[in-house]
Amino acid sequence: MIDCLNTSSFRRISAVFIAVAMLFAFTVVGARPASPATNVNANESVFSFGDAVMSGSTGTTPLSQPLVGMASTPSGGYWLVARDGGIFSFGGAPFHGSTGAMTLNQPIVGMAATPTGNGYWFVAADGGIFSFGDAQFYGSTGAMTLNQPIVGMASTKTGHGYWLVARDGGIFSFGDAAFYGSTGAMTLNQPIVGMTPTRSGFGYWFVAADGGIFSFGDAQFYGSTGAMTLNQPIVGMAGAPTGDGYWFVAADGGMFAFGNAPFLGSGTSAGKQVVGMASMSNGVGYWMVTTGTLEAPVPPAGEEAPPSGGTVTPGAFCSPVGATGLSATGKVMHCTQRAGESRARWREA
């Protein structure tokens, strides 16, 4: 598959960045203490806002691997997925299977639900795809050599295809998912951490760790935090149900709303580290999923931050926990902290 840059979208984005630079204070709403999470139990791993209902979480349940993402159903339920592909279903979200008992080549980094809510896909860091329920397998990058690991995925409107996005913004389209452009040939200030499709399915957005937005196809630019100084990096995004806006969530639970996506609350409890979010498809609300404890926003001297297209050193101190990088030999590395350790280190996935 050829990965190329939609230059017209990029020029438009660059122009809009300049034009709206002085308007951020009026268009961005986030990280506010108002409208706290619906659930306030410090042991919970899910926090809900607006119409989204907190239907359960892994709480204090011991997990073999940390949670890495979530996806919602049309009926308001949701799934949580762990790095080993263990799945946890809440609010009527049906269990269709998992990879929790399998030995994976690479860890799971995200998931997407089918439009019916009766199936889901997992994607691993190497682009391996695992499909369950009415989710069909349309292809993967599991046998390819990637420049950067996969960090997320999204389903098409029909559910007959999906996109995978890599850390450098390389996009891989399968089934009826069309290619609208990527940042694979660009030098990014910060790595891509997530994507979301437009309501029509004819475009998509990428978000970088600094909140920079890249829009392709019919995706419109509504604002970003690319020019702001954030307390914590952005870890995920979701589209507004109306299709004319989007949310970003930071590792500390700070929420940033753009376009017609309303600010419904932000923050978690007990310093939990957010690893992803999902929005309601029928209603106005969103959830955050957390794992572990929040890391310091700036790595102390001697630690390695998540790389921007570079490599990491196995065994070196790192921050934040959950970050992904590549070693000089191309092996996927994860920033993990084991029991009894005061600081996290880069380890082979």
Foldseek 3Di string as FASTA:
>chain_A
DDAAAPVVLVVVLVVVCVVCVVVCVPFKDKPDAPQAFPDAPQQFQKTKFFPQDCFGGCRPPDDPFWWFEKEAAQVRWIWIAGFQFDIDTGDPQDDFDTNNVPDDPFTWQEKEAANHSQWIWTAGFQFDIDITGPQDDFDTNNVPQDLFTWRYKYAANRSQWIWTAGFQFGIDITGPQDDFGTRNVPQDPFTWQEKEAAPNRQWIWTAGFQFRIGITGPQDDFDTRNVPDDQFTWHEKEAFLVRQWIWTAGQQFMIIITGPQDDGHTGGPPQFTWNYKYAHNPGRMIMTGTTDHADGRDDDPFEDEQDRSDADDFFTFYDDFQHWGAHPVGFIWGFHDDPPDPTTGTDGD
